[in-house]
Amino acid sequence: GSSDDGKSKIKFLFQNPDTKQIEA
């Protein structure tokens, strides 16, 4: 997943392949 503020910032949500946790 990802989101942005419409101006300059993008937040990426990646899944760690080992822990399966989501890392922002």
PDBML (XML) file of the C-alpha atoms, coordinates in Angstrom:
<?xml version="1.0" encoding="UTF-8" ?>
<PDBx:datablock datablockName="MODEL"
   xmlns:PDBx="http://pdbml.pdb.org/schema/pdbx-v50.xsd"
   xmlns:xsi="http://www.w3.org/2001/XMLSchema-instance"
   xsi:schemaLocation="http://pdbml.pdb.org/schema/pdbx-v50.xsd pdbx-v50.xsd">
   <PDBx:atom_siteCategory>
      <PDBx:atom_site id="1">
         <PDBx:B_iso_or_equiv>0.00</PDBx:B_iso_or_equiv>
         <PDBx:Cartn_x>0.000</PDBx:Cartn_x>
         <PDBx:Cartn_y>0.000</PDBx:Cartn_y>
         <PDBx:Cartn_z>0.000</PDBx:Cartn_z>
         <PDBx:auth_asym_id>A</PDBx:auth_asym_id>
         <PDBx:auth_atom_id>CA</PDBx:auth_atom_id>
         <PDBx:auth_comp_id>GLY</PDBx:auth_comp_id>
         <PDBx:auth_seq_id>1</PDBx:auth_seq_id>
         <PDBx:group_PDB>ATOM</PDBx:group_PDB>
         <PDBx:label_alt_id xsi:nil="true" />
         <PDBx:label_asym_id>A</PDBx:label_asym_id>
         <PDBx:label_atom_id>CA</PDBx:label_atom_id>
         <PDBx:label_comp_id>GLY</PDBx:label_comp_id>
         <PDBx:label_entity_id>1</PDBx:label_entity_id>
         <PDBx:label_seq_id>1</PDBx:label_seq_id>
         <PDBx:occupancy>1.00</PDBx:occupancy>
         <PDBx:pdbx_PDB_model_num>1</PDBx:pdbx_PDB_model_num>
         <PDBx:type_symbol>C</PDBx:type_symbol>
      </PDBx:atom_site>
      <PDBx:atom_site id="2">
         <PDBx:B_iso_or_equiv>0.00</PDBx:B_iso_or_equiv>
         <PDBx:Cartn_x>0.965</PDBx:Cartn_x>
         <PDBx:Cartn_y>3.622</PDBx:Cartn_y>
         <PDBx:Cartn_z>-0.293</PDBx:Cartn_z>
         <PDBx:auth_asym_id>A</PDBx:auth_asym_id>
         <PDBx:auth_atom_id>CA</PDBx:auth_atom_id>
         <PDBx:auth_comp_id>SER</PDBx:auth_comp_id>
         <PDBx:auth_seq_id>2</PDBx:auth_seq_id>
         <PDBx:group_PDB>ATOM</PDBx:group_PDB>
         <PDBx:label_alt_id xsi:nil="true" />
         <PDBx:label_asym_id>A</PDBx:label_asym_id>
         <PDBx:label_atom_id>CA</PDBx:label_atom_id>
         <PDBx:label_comp_id>SER</PDBx:label_comp_id>
         <PDBx:label_entity_id>1</PDBx:label_entity_id>
         <PDBx:label_seq_id>2</PDBx:label_seq_id>
         <PDBx:occupancy>1.00</PDBx:occupancy>
         <PDBx:pdbx_PDB_model_num>1</PDBx:pdbx_PDB_model_num>
         <PDBx:type_symbol>C</PDBx:type_symbol>
      </PDBx:atom_site>
      <PDBx:atom_site id="3">
         <PDBx:B_iso_or_equiv>0.00</PDBx:B_iso_or_equiv>
         <PDBx:Cartn_x>-0.407</PDBx:Cartn_x>
         <PDBx:Cartn_y>7.078</PDBx:Cartn_y>
         <PDBx:Cartn_z>0.356</PDBx:Cartn_z>
         <PDBx:auth_asym_id>A</PDBx:auth_asym_id>
         <PDBx:auth_atom_id>CA</PDBx:auth_atom_id>
         <PDBx:auth_comp_id>SER</PDBx:auth_comp_id>
         <PDBx:auth_seq_id>3</PDBx:auth_seq_id>
         <PDBx:group_PDB>ATOM</PDBx:group_PDB>
         <PDBx:label_alt_id xsi:nil="true" />
         <PDBx:label_asym_id>A</PDBx:label_asym_id>
         <PDBx:label_atom_id>CA</PDBx:label_atom_id>
         <PDBx:label_comp_id>SER</PDBx:label_comp_id>
         <PDBx:label_entity_id>1</PDBx:label_entity_id>
         <PDBx:label_seq_id>3</PDBx:label_seq_id>
         <PDBx:occupancy>1.00</PDBx:occupancy>
         <PDBx:pdbx_PDB_model_num>1</PDBx:pdbx_PDB_model_num>
         <PDBx:type_symbol>C</PDBx:type_symbol>
      </PDBx:atom_site>
      <PDBx:atom_site id="4">
         <PDBx:B_iso_or_equiv>0.00</PDBx:B_iso_or_equiv>
         <PDBx:Cartn_x>0.657</PDBx:Cartn_x>
         <PDBx:Cartn_y>10.629</PDBx:Cartn_y>
         <PDBx:Cartn_z>-0.389</PDBx:Cartn_z>
         <PDBx:auth_asym_id>A</PDBx:auth_asym_id>
         <PDBx:auth_atom_id>CA</PDBx:auth_atom_id>
         <PDBx:auth_comp_id>ASP</PDBx:auth_comp_id>
         <PDBx:auth_seq_id>4</PDBx:auth_seq_id>
         <PDBx:group_PDB>ATOM</PDBx:group_PDB>
         <PDBx:label_alt_id xsi:nil="true" />
         <PDBx:label_asym_id>A</PDBx:label_asym_id>
         <PDBx:label_atom_id>CA</PDBx:label_atom_id>
         <PDBx:label_comp_id>ASP</PDBx:label_comp_id>
         <PDBx:label_entity_id>1</PDBx:label_entity_id>
         <PDBx:label_seq_id>4</PDBx:label_seq_id>
         <PDBx:occupancy>1.00</PDBx:occupancy>
         <PDBx:pdbx_PDB_model_num>1</PDBx:pdbx_PDB_model_num>
         <PDBx:type_symbol>C</PDBx:type_symbol>
      </PDBx:atom_site>
      <PDBx:atom_site id="5">
         <PDBx:B_iso_or_equiv>0.00</PDBx:B_iso_or_equiv>
         <PDBx:Cartn_x>-0.183</PDBx:Cartn_x>
         <PDBx:Cartn_y>14.115</PDBx:Cartn_y>
         <PDBx:Cartn_z>0.831</PDBx:Cartn_z>
         <PDBx:auth_asym_id>A</PDBx:auth_asym_id>
         <PDBx:auth_atom_id>CA</PDBx:auth_atom_id>
         <PDBx:auth_comp_id>ASP</PDBx:auth_comp_id>
         <PDBx:auth_seq_id>5</PDBx:auth_seq_id>
         <PDBx:group_PDB>ATOM</PDBx:group_PDB>
         <PDBx:label_alt_id xsi:nil="true" />
         <PDBx:label_asym_id>A</PDBx:label_asym_id>
         <PDBx:label_atom_id>CA</PDBx:label_atom_id>
         <PDBx:label_comp_id>ASP</PDBx:label_comp_id>
         <PDBx:label_entity_id>1</PDBx:label_entity_id>
         <PDBx:label_seq_id>5</PDBx:label_seq_id>
         <PDBx:occupancy>1.00</PDBx:occupancy>
         <PDBx:pdbx_PDB_model_num>1</PDBx:pdbx_PDB_model_num>
         <PDBx:type_symbol>C</PDBx:type_symbol>
      </PDBx:atom_site>
      <PDBx:atom_site id="6">
         <PDBx:B_iso_or_equiv>0.00</PDBx:B_iso_or_equiv>
         <PDBx:Cartn_x>-0.737</PDBx:Cartn_x>
         <PDBx:Cartn_y>15.496</PDBx:Cartn_y>
         <PDBx:Cartn_z>-2.667</PDBx:Cartn_z>
         <PDBx:auth_asym_id>A</PDBx:auth_asym_id>
         <PDBx:auth_atom_id>CA</PDBx:auth_atom_id>
         <PDBx:auth_comp_id>GLY</PDBx:auth_comp_id>
         <PDBx:auth_seq_id>6</PDBx:auth_seq_id>
         <PDBx:group_PDB>ATOM</PDBx:group_PDB>
         <PDBx:label_alt_id xsi:nil="true" />
         <PDBx:label_asym_id>A</PDBx:label_asym_id>
         <PDBx:label_atom_id>CA</PDBx:label_atom_id>
         <PDBx:label_comp_id>GLY</PDBx:label_comp_id>
         <PDBx:label_entity_id>1</PDBx:label_entity_id>
         <PDBx:label_seq_id>6</PDBx:label_seq_id>
         <PDBx:occupancy>1.00</PDBx:occupancy>
         <PDBx:pdbx_PDB_model_num>1</PDBx:pdbx_PDB_model_num>
         <PDBx:type_symbol>C</PDBx:type_symbol>
      </PDBx:atom_site>
      <PDBx:atom_site id="7">
         <PDBx:B_iso_or_equiv>0.00</PDBx:B_iso_or_equiv>
         <PDBx:Cartn_x>2.262</PDBx:Cartn_x>
         <PDBx:Cartn_y>17.796</PDBx:Cartn_y>
         <PDBx:Cartn_z>-2.284</PDBx:Cartn_z>
         <PDBx:auth_asym_id>A</PDBx:auth_asym_id>
         <PDBx:auth_atom_id>CA</PDBx:auth_atom_id>
         <PDBx:auth_comp_id>LYS</PDBx:auth_comp_id>
         <PDBx:auth_seq_id>7</PDBx:auth_seq_id>
         <PDBx:group_PDB>ATOM</PDBx:group_PDB>
         <PDBx:label_alt_id xsi:nil="true" />
         <PDBx:label_asym_id>A</PDBx:label_asym_id>
         <PDBx:label_atom_id>CA</PDBx:label_atom_id>
         <PDBx:label_comp_id>LYS</PDBx:label_comp_id>
         <PDBx:label_entity_id>1</PDBx:label_entity_id>
         <PDBx:label_seq_id>7</PDBx:label_seq_id>
         <PDBx:occupancy>1.00</PDBx:occupancy>
         <PDBx:pdbx_PDB_model_num>1</PDBx:pdbx_PDB_model_num>
         <PDBx:type_symbol>C</PDBx:type_symbol>
      </PDBx:atom_site>
      <PDBx:atom_site id="8">
         <PDBx:B_iso_or_equiv>0.00</PDBx:B_iso_or_equiv>
         <PDBx:Cartn_x>5.596</PDBx:Cartn_x>
         <PDBx:Cartn_y>16.083</PDBx:Cartn_y>
         <PDBx:Cartn_z>-1.745</PDBx:Cartn_z>
         <PDBx:auth_asym_id>A</PDBx:auth_asym_id>
         <PDBx:auth_atom_id>CA</PDBx:auth_atom_id>
         <PDBx:auth_comp_id>SER</PDBx:auth_comp_id>
         <PDBx:auth_seq_id>8</PDBx:auth_seq_id>
         <PDBx:group_PDB>ATOM</PDBx:group_PDB>
         <PDBx:label_alt_id xsi:nil="true" />
         <PDBx:label_asym_id>A</PDBx:label_asym_id>
         <PDBx:label_atom_id>CA</PDBx:label_atom_id>
         <PDBx:label_comp_id>SER</PDBx:label_comp_id>
         <PDBx:label_entity_id>1</PDBx:label_entity_id>
         <PDBx:label_seq_id>8</PDBx:label_seq_id>
         <PDBx:occupancy>1.00</PDBx:occupancy>
         <PDBx:pdbx_PDB_model_num>1</PDBx:pdbx_PDB_model_num>
         <PDBx:type_symbol>C</PDBx:type_symbol>
      </PDBx:atom_site>
      <PDBx:atom_site id="9">
         <PDBx:B_iso_or_equiv>0.00</PDBx:B_iso_or_equiv>
         <PDBx:Cartn_x>5.453</PDBx:Cartn_x>
         <PDBx:Cartn_y>13.087</PDBx:Cartn_y>
         <PDBx:Cartn_z>0.622</PDBx:Cartn_z>
         <PDBx:auth_asym_id>A</PDBx:auth_asym_id>
         <PDBx:auth_atom_id>CA</PDBx:auth_atom_id>
         <PDBx:auth_comp_id>LYS</PDBx:auth_comp_id>
         <PDBx:auth_seq_id>9</PDBx:auth_seq_id>
         <PDBx:group_PDB>ATOM</PDBx:group_PDB>
         <PDBx:label_alt_id xsi:nil="true" />
         <PDBx:label_asym_id>A</PDBx:label_asym_id>
         <PDBx:label_atom_id>CA</PDBx:label_atom_id>
         <PDBx:label_comp_id>LYS</PDBx:label_comp_id>
         <PDBx:label_entity_id>1</PDBx:label_entity_id>
         <PDBx:label_seq_id>9</PDBx:label_seq_id>
         <PDBx:occupancy>1.00</PDBx:occupancy>
         <PDBx:pdbx_PDB_model_num>1</PDBx:pdbx_PDB_model_num>
         <PDBx:type_symbol>C</PDBx:type_symbol>
      </PDBx:atom_site>
      <PDBx:atom_site id="10">
         <PDBx:B_iso_or_equiv>0.00</PDBx:B_iso_or_equiv>
         <PDBx:Cartn_x>4.822</PDBx:Cartn_x>
         <PDBx:Cartn_y>9.428</PDBx:Cartn_y>
         <PDBx:Cartn_z>-0.160</PDBx:Cartn_z>
         <PDBx:auth_asym_id>A</PDBx:auth_asym_id>
         <PDBx:auth_atom_id>CA</PDBx:auth_atom_id>
         <PDBx:auth_comp_id>ILE</PDBx:auth_comp_id>
         <PDBx:auth_seq_id>10</PDBx:auth_seq_id>
         <PDBx:group_PDB>ATOM</PDBx:group_PDB>
         <PDBx:label_alt_id xsi:nil="true" />
         <PDBx:label_asym_id>A</PDBx:label_asym_id>
         <PDBx:label_atom_id>CA</PDBx:label_atom_id>
         <PDBx:label_comp_id>ILE</PDBx:label_comp_id>
         <PDBx:label_entity_id>1</PDBx:label_entity_id>
         <PDBx:label_seq_id>10</PDBx:label_seq_id>
         <PDBx:occupancy>1.00</PDBx:occupancy>
         <PDBx:pdbx_PDB_model_num>1</PDBx:pdbx_PDB_model_num>
         <PDBx:type_symbol>C</PDBx:type_symbol>
      </PDBx:atom_site>
      <PDBx:atom_site id="11">
         <PDBx:B_iso_or_equiv>0.00</PDBx:B_iso_or_equiv>
         <PDBx:Cartn_x>4.416</PDBx:Cartn_x>
         <PDBx:Cartn_y>6.771</PDBx:Cartn_y>
         <PDBx:Cartn_z>2.525</PDBx:Cartn_z>
         <PDBx:auth_asym_id>A</PDBx:auth_asym_id>
         <PDBx:auth_atom_id>CA</PDBx:auth_atom_id>
         <PDBx:auth_comp_id>LYS</PDBx:auth_comp_id>
         <PDBx:auth_seq_id>11</PDBx:auth_seq_id>
         <PDBx:group_PDB>ATOM</PDBx:group_PDB>
         <PDBx:label_alt_id xsi:nil="true" />
         <PDBx:label_asym_id>A</PDBx:label_asym_id>
         <PDBx:label_atom_id>CA</PDBx:label_atom_id>
         <PDBx:label_comp_id>LYS</PDBx:label_comp_id>
         <PDBx:label_entity_id>1</PDBx:label_entity_id>
         <PDBx:label_seq_id>11</PDBx:label_seq_id>
         <PDBx:occupancy>1.00</PDBx:occupancy>
         <PDBx:pdbx_PDB_model_num>1</PDBx:pdbx_PDB_model_num>
         <PDBx:type_symbol>C</PDBx:type_symbol>
      </PDBx:atom_site>
      <PDBx:atom_site id="12">
         <PDBx:B_iso_or_equiv>0.00</PDBx:B_iso_or_equiv>
         <PDBx:Cartn_x>5.157</PDBx:Cartn_x>
         <PDBx:Cartn_y>3.247</PDBx:Cartn_y>
         <PDBx:Cartn_z>1.330</PDBx:Cartn_z>
         <PDBx:auth_asym_id>A</PDBx:auth_asym_id>
         <PDBx:auth_atom_id>CA</PDBx:auth_atom_id>
         <PDBx:auth_comp_id>PHE</PDBx:auth_comp_id>
         <PDBx:auth_seq_id>12</PDBx:auth_seq_id>
         <PDBx:group_PDB>ATOM</PDBx:group_PDB>
         <PDBx:label_alt_id xsi:nil="true" />
         <PDBx:label_asym_id>A</PDBx:label_asym_id>
         <PDBx:label_atom_id>CA</PDBx:label_atom_id>
         <PDBx:label_comp_id>PHE</PDBx:label_comp_id>
         <PDBx:label_entity_id>1</PDBx:label_entity_id>
         <PDBx:label_seq_id>12</PDBx:label_seq_id>
         <PDBx:occupancy>1.00</PDBx:occupancy>
         <PDBx:pdbx_PDB_model_num>1</PDBx:pdbx_PDB_model_num>
         <PDBx:type_symbol>C</PDBx:type_symbol>
      </PDBx:atom_site>
      <PDBx:atom_site id="13">
         <PDBx:B_iso_or_equiv>0.00</PDBx:B_iso_or_equiv>
         <PDBx:Cartn_x>3.926</PDBx:Cartn_x>
         <PDBx:Cartn_y>0.150</PDBx:Cartn_y>
         <PDBx:Cartn_z>3.166</PDBx:Cartn_z>
         <PDBx:auth_asym_id>A</PDBx:auth_asym_id>
         <PDBx:auth_atom_id>CA</PDBx:auth_atom_id>
         <PDBx:auth_comp_id>LEU</PDBx:auth_comp_id>
         <PDBx:auth_seq_id>13</PDBx:auth_seq_id>
         <PDBx:group_PDB>ATOM</PDBx:group_PDB>
         <PDBx:label_alt_id xsi:nil="true" />
         <PDBx:label_asym_id>A</PDBx:label_asym_id>
         <PDBx:label_atom_id>CA</PDBx:label_atom_id>
         <PDBx:label_comp_id>LEU</PDBx:label_comp_id>
         <PDBx:label_entity_id>1</PDBx:label_entity_id>
         <PDBx:label_seq_id>13</PDBx:label_seq_id>
         <PDBx:occupancy>1.00</PDBx:occupancy>
         <PDBx:pdbx_PDB_model_num>1</PDBx:pdbx_PDB_model_num>
         <PDBx:type_symbol>C</PDBx:type_symbol>
      </PDBx:atom_site>
      <PDBx:atom_site id="14">
         <PDBx:B_iso_or_equiv>0.00</PDBx:B_iso_or_equiv>
         <PDBx:Cartn_x>6.182</PDBx:Cartn_x>
         <PDBx:Cartn_y>-2.821</PDBx:Cartn_y>
         <PDBx:Cartn_z>2.486</PDBx:Cartn_z>
         <PDBx:auth_asym_id>A</PDBx:auth_asym_id>
         <PDBx:auth_atom_id>CA</PDBx:auth_atom_id>
         <PDBx:auth_comp_id>PHE</PDBx:auth_comp_id>
         <PDBx:auth_seq_id>14</PDBx:auth_seq_id>
         <PDBx:group_PDB>ATOM</PDBx:group_PDB>
         <PDBx:label_alt_id xsi:nil="true" />
         <PDBx:label_asym_id>A</PDBx:label_asym_id>
         <PDBx:label_atom_id>CA</PDBx:label_atom_id>
         <PDBx:label_comp_id>PHE</PDBx:label_comp_id>
         <PDBx:label_entity_id>1</PDBx:label_entity_id>
         <PDBx:label_seq_id>14</PDBx:label_seq_id>
         <PDBx:occupancy>1.00</PDBx:occupancy>
         <PDBx:pdbx_PDB_model_num>1</PDBx:pdbx_PDB_model_num>
         <PDBx:type_symbol>C</PDBx:type_symbol>
      </PDBx:atom_site>
      <PDBx:atom_site id="15">
         <PDBx:B_iso_or_equiv>0.00</PDBx:B_iso_or_equiv>
         <PDBx:Cartn_x>5.876</PDBx:Cartn_x>
         <PDBx:Cartn_y>-6.337</PDBx:Cartn_y>
         <PDBx:Cartn_z>3.875</PDBx:Cartn_z>
         <PDBx:auth_asym_id>A</PDBx:auth_asym_id>
         <PDBx:auth_atom_id>CA</PDBx:auth_atom_id>
         <PDBx:auth_comp_id>GLN</PDBx:auth_comp_id>
         <PDBx:auth_seq_id>15</PDBx:auth_seq_id>
         <PDBx:group_PDB>ATOM</PDBx:group_PDB>
         <PDBx:label_alt_id xsi:nil="true" />
         <PDBx:label_asym_id>A</PDBx:label_asym_id>
         <PDBx:label_atom_id>CA</PDBx:label_atom_id>
         <PDBx:label_comp_id>GLN</PDBx:label_comp_id>
         <PDBx:label_entity_id>1</PDBx:label_entity_id>
         <PDBx:label_seq_id>15</PDBx:label_seq_id>
         <PDBx:occupancy>1.00</PDBx:occupancy>
         <PDBx:pdbx_PDB_model_num>1</PDBx:pdbx_PDB_model_num>
         <PDBx:type_symbol>C</PDBx:type_symbol>
      </PDBx:atom_site>
      <PDBx:atom_site id="16">
         <PDBx:B_iso_or_equiv>0.00</PDBx:B_iso_or_equiv>
         <PDBx:Cartn_x>9.017</PDBx:Cartn_x>
         <PDBx:Cartn_y>-7.793</PDBx:Cartn_y>
         <PDBx:Cartn_z>5.390</PDBx:Cartn_z>
         <PDBx:auth_asym_id>A</PDBx:auth_asym_id>
         <PDBx:auth_atom_id>CA</PDBx:auth_atom_id>
         <PDBx:auth_comp_id>ASN</PDBx:auth_comp_id>
         <PDBx:auth_seq_id>16</PDBx:auth_seq_id>
         <PDBx:group_PDB>ATOM</PDBx:group_PDB>
         <PDBx:label_alt_id xsi:nil="true" />
         <PDBx:label_asym_id>A</PDBx:label_asym_id>
         <PDBx:label_atom_id>CA</PDBx:label_atom_id>
         <PDBx:label_comp_id>ASN</PDBx:label_comp_id>
         <PDBx:label_entity_id>1</PDBx:label_entity_id>
         <PDBx:label_seq_id>16</PDBx:label_seq_id>
         <PDBx:occupancy>1.00</PDBx:occupancy>
         <PDBx:pdbx_PDB_model_num>1</PDBx:pdbx_PDB_model_num>
         <PDBx:type_symbol>C</PDBx:type_symbol>
      </PDBx:atom_site>
      <PDBx:atom_site id="17">
         <PDBx:B_iso_or_equiv>0.00</PDBx:B_iso_or_equiv>
         <PDBx:Cartn_x>9.486</PDBx:Cartn_x>
         <PDBx:Cartn_y>-11.248</PDBx:Cartn_y>
         <PDBx:Cartn_z>3.774</PDBx:Cartn_z>
         <PDBx:auth_asym_id>A</PDBx:auth_asym_id>
         <PDBx:auth_atom_id>CA</PDBx:auth_atom_id>
         <PDBx:auth_comp_id>PRO</PDBx:auth_comp_id>
         <PDBx:auth_seq_id>17</PDBx:auth_seq_id>
         <PDBx:group_PDB>ATOM</PDBx:group_PDB>
         <PDBx:label_alt_id xsi:nil="true" />
         <PDBx:label_asym_id>A</PDBx:label_asym_id>
         <PDBx:label_atom_id>CA</PDBx:label_atom_id>
         <PDBx:label_comp_id>PRO</PDBx:label_comp_id>
         <PDBx:label_entity_id>1</PDBx:label_entity_id>
         <PDBx:label_seq_id>17</PDBx:label_seq_id>
         <PDBx:occupancy>1.00</PDBx:occupancy>
         <PDBx:pdbx_PDB_model_num>1</PDBx:pdbx_PDB_model_num>
         <PDBx:type_symbol>C</PDBx:type_symbol>
      </PDBx:atom_site>
      <PDBx:atom_site id="18">
         <PDBx:B_iso_or_equiv>0.00</PDBx:B_iso_or_equiv>
         <PDBx:Cartn_x>10.878</PDBx:Cartn_x>
         <PDBx:Cartn_y>-12.763</PDBx:Cartn_y>
         <PDBx:Cartn_z>6.981</PDBx:Cartn_z>
         <PDBx:auth_asym_id>A</PDBx:auth_asym_id>
         <PDBx:auth_atom_id>CA</PDBx:auth_atom_id>
         <PDBx:auth_comp_id>ASP</PDBx:auth_comp_id>
         <PDBx:auth_seq_id>18</PDBx:auth_seq_id>
         <PDBx:group_PDB>ATOM</PDBx:group_PDB>
         <PDBx:label_alt_id xsi:nil="true" />
         <PDBx:label_asym_id>A</PDBx:label_asym_id>
         <PDBx:label_atom_id>CA</PDBx:label_atom_id>
         <PDBx:label_comp_id>ASP</PDBx:label_comp_id>
         <PDBx:label_entity_id>1</PDBx:label_entity_id>
         <PDBx:label_seq_id>18</PDBx:label_seq_id>
         <PDBx:occupancy>1.00</PDBx:occupancy>
         <PDBx:pdbx_PDB_model_num>1</PDBx:pdbx_PDB_model_num>
         <PDBx:type_symbol>C</PDBx:type_symbol>
      </PDBx:atom_site>
      <PDBx:atom_site id="19">
         <PDBx:B_iso_or_equiv>0.00</PDBx:B_iso_or_equiv>
         <PDBx:Cartn_x>8.698</PDBx:Cartn_x>
         <PDBx:Cartn_y>-11.311</PDBx:Cartn_y>
         <PDBx:Cartn_z>9.723</PDBx:Cartn_z>
         <PDBx:auth_asym_id>A</PDBx:auth_asym_id>
         <PDBx:auth_atom_id>CA</PDBx:auth_atom_id>
         <PDBx:auth_comp_id>THR</PDBx:auth_comp_id>
         <PDBx:auth_seq_id>19</PDBx:auth_seq_id>
         <PDBx:group_PDB>ATOM</PDBx:group_PDB>
         <PDBx:label_alt_id xsi:nil="true" />
         <PDBx:label_asym_id>A</PDBx:label_asym_id>
         <PDBx:label_atom_id>CA</PDBx:label_atom_id>
         <PDBx:label_comp_id>THR</PDBx:label_comp_id>
         <PDBx:label_entity_id>1</PDBx:label_entity_id>
         <PDBx:label_seq_id>19</PDBx:label_seq_id>
         <PDBx:occupancy>1.00</PDBx:occupancy>
         <PDBx:pdbx_PDB_model_num>1</PDBx:pdbx_PDB_model_num>
         <PDBx:type_symbol>C</PDBx:type_symbol>
      </PDBx:atom_site>
      <PDBx:atom_site id="20">
         <PDBx:B_iso_or_equiv>0.00</PDBx:B_iso_or_equiv>
         <PDBx:Cartn_x>5.641</PDBx:Cartn_x>
         <PDBx:Cartn_y>-10.679</PDBx:Cartn_y>
         <PDBx:Cartn_z>7.490</PDBx:Cartn_z>
         <PDBx:auth_asym_id>A</PDBx:auth_asym_id>
         <PDBx:auth_atom_id>CA</PDBx:auth_atom_id>
         <PDBx:auth_comp_id>LYS</PDBx:auth_comp_id>
         <PDBx:auth_seq_id>20</PDBx:auth_seq_id>
         <PDBx:group_PDB>ATOM</PDBx:group_PDB>
         <PDBx:label_alt_id xsi:nil="true" />
         <PDBx:label_asym_id>A</PDBx:label_asym_id>
         <PDBx:label_atom_id>CA</PDBx:label_atom_id>
         <PDBx:label_comp_id>LYS</PDBx:label_comp_id>
         <PDBx:label_entity_id>1</PDBx:label_entity_id>
         <PDBx:label_seq_id>20</PDBx:label_seq_id>
         <PDBx:occupancy>1.00</PDBx:occupancy>
         <PDBx:pdbx_PDB_model_num>1</PDBx:pdbx_PDB_model_num>
         <PDBx:type_symbol>C</PDBx:type_symbol>
      </PDBx:atom_site>
      <PDBx:atom_site id="21">
         <PDBx:B_iso_or_equiv>0.00</PDBx:B_iso_or_equiv>
         <PDBx:Cartn_x>5.306</PDBx:Cartn_x>
         <PDBx:Cartn_y>-7.371</PDBx:Cartn_y>
         <PDBx:Cartn_z>9.325</PDBx:Cartn_z>
         <PDBx:auth_asym_id>A</PDBx:auth_asym_id>
         <PDBx:auth_atom_id>CA</PDBx:auth_atom_id>
         <PDBx:auth_comp_id>GLN</PDBx:auth_comp_id>
         <PDBx:auth_seq_id>21</PDBx:auth_seq_id>
         <PDBx:group_PDB>ATOM</PDBx:group_PDB>
         <PDBx:label_alt_id xsi:nil="true" />
         <PDBx:label_asym_id>A</PDBx:label_asym_id>
         <PDBx:label_atom_id>CA</PDBx:label_atom_id>
         <PDBx:label_comp_id>GLN</PDBx:label_comp_id>
         <PDBx:label_entity_id>1</PDBx:label_entity_id>
         <PDBx:label_seq_id>21</PDBx:label_seq_id>
         <PDBx:occupancy>1.00</PDBx:occupancy>
         <PDBx:pdbx_PDB_model_num>1</PDBx:pdbx_PDB_model_num>
         <PDBx:type_symbol>C</PDBx:type_symbol>
      </PDBx:atom_site>
      <PDBx:atom_site id="22">
         <PDBx:B_iso_or_equiv>0.00</PDBx:B_iso_or_equiv>
         <PDBx:Cartn_x>4.388</PDBx:Cartn_x>
         <PDBx:Cartn_y>-4.179</PDBx:Cartn_y>
         <PDBx:Cartn_z>7.478</PDBx:Cartn_z>
         <PDBx:auth_asym_id>A</PDBx:auth_asym_id>
         <PDBx:auth_atom_id>CA</PDBx:auth_atom_id>
         <PDBx:auth_comp_id>ILE</PDBx:auth_comp_id>
         <PDBx:auth_seq_id>22</PDBx:auth_seq_id>
         <PDBx:group_PDB>ATOM</PDBx:group_PDB>
         <PDBx:label_alt_id xsi:nil="true" />
         <PDBx:label_asym_id>A</PDBx:label_asym_id>
         <PDBx:label_atom_id>CA</PDBx:label_atom_id>
         <PDBx:label_comp_id>ILE</PDBx:label_comp_id>
         <PDBx:label_entity_id>1</PDBx:label_entity_id>
         <PDBx:label_seq_id>22</PDBx:label_seq_id>
         <PDBx:occupancy>1.00</PDBx:occupancy>
         <PDBx:pdbx_PDB_model_num>1</PDBx:pdbx_PDB_model_num>
         <PDBx:type_symbol>C</PDBx:type_symbol>
      </PDBx:atom_site>
      <PDBx:atom_site id="23">
         <PDBx:B_iso_or_equiv>0.00</PDBx:B_iso_or_equiv>
         <PDBx:Cartn_x>7.202</PDBx:Cartn_x>
         <PDBx:Cartn_y>-1.615</PDBx:Cartn_y>
         <PDBx:Cartn_z>7.400</PDBx:Cartn_z>
         <PDBx:auth_asym_id>A</PDBx:auth_asym_id>
         <PDBx:auth_atom_id>CA</PDBx:auth_atom_id>
         <PDBx:auth_comp_id>GLU</PDBx:auth_comp_id>
         <PDBx:auth_seq_id>23</PDBx:auth_seq_id>
         <PDBx:group_PDB>ATOM</PDBx:group_PDB>
         <PDBx:label_alt_id xsi:nil="true" />
         <PDBx:label_asym_id>A</PDBx:label_asym_id>
         <PDBx:label_atom_id>CA</PDBx:label_atom_id>
         <PDBx:label_comp_id>GLU</PDBx:label_comp_id>
         <PDBx:label_entity_id>1</PDBx:label_entity_id>
         <PDBx:label_seq_id>23</PDBx:label_seq_id>
         <PDBx:occupancy>1.00</PDBx:occupancy>
         <PDBx:pdbx_PDB_model_num>1</PDBx:pdbx_PDB_model_num>
         <PDBx:type_symbol>C</PDBx:type_symbol>
      </PDBx:atom_site>
      <PDBx:atom_site id="24">
         <PDBx:B_iso_or_equiv>0.00</PDBx:B_iso_or_equiv>
         <PDBx:Cartn_x>6.386</PDBx:Cartn_x>
         <PDBx:Cartn_y>2.026</PDBx:Cartn_y>
         <PDBx:Cartn_z>6.636</PDBx:Cartn_z>
         <PDBx:auth_asym_id>A</PDBx:auth_asym_id>
         <PDBx:auth_atom_id>CA</PDBx:auth_atom_id>
         <PDBx:auth_comp_id>ALA</PDBx:auth_comp_id>
         <PDBx:auth_seq_id>24</PDBx:auth_seq_id>
         <PDBx:group_PDB>ATOM</PDBx:group_PDB>
         <PDBx:label_alt_id xsi:nil="true" />
         <PDBx:label_asym_id>A</PDBx:label_asym_id>
         <PDBx:label_atom_id>CA</PDBx:label_atom_id>
         <PDBx:label_comp_id>ALA</PDBx:label_comp_id>
         <PDBx:label_entity_id>1</PDBx:label_entity_id>
         <PDBx:label_seq_id>24</PDBx:label_seq_id>
         <PDBx:occupancy>1.00</PDBx:occupancy>
         <PDBx:pdbx_PDB_model_num>1</PDBx:pdbx_PDB_model_num>
         <PDBx:type_symbol>C</PDBx:type_symbol>
      </PDBx:atom_site>
   </PDBx:atom_siteCategory>
</PDBx:datablock>
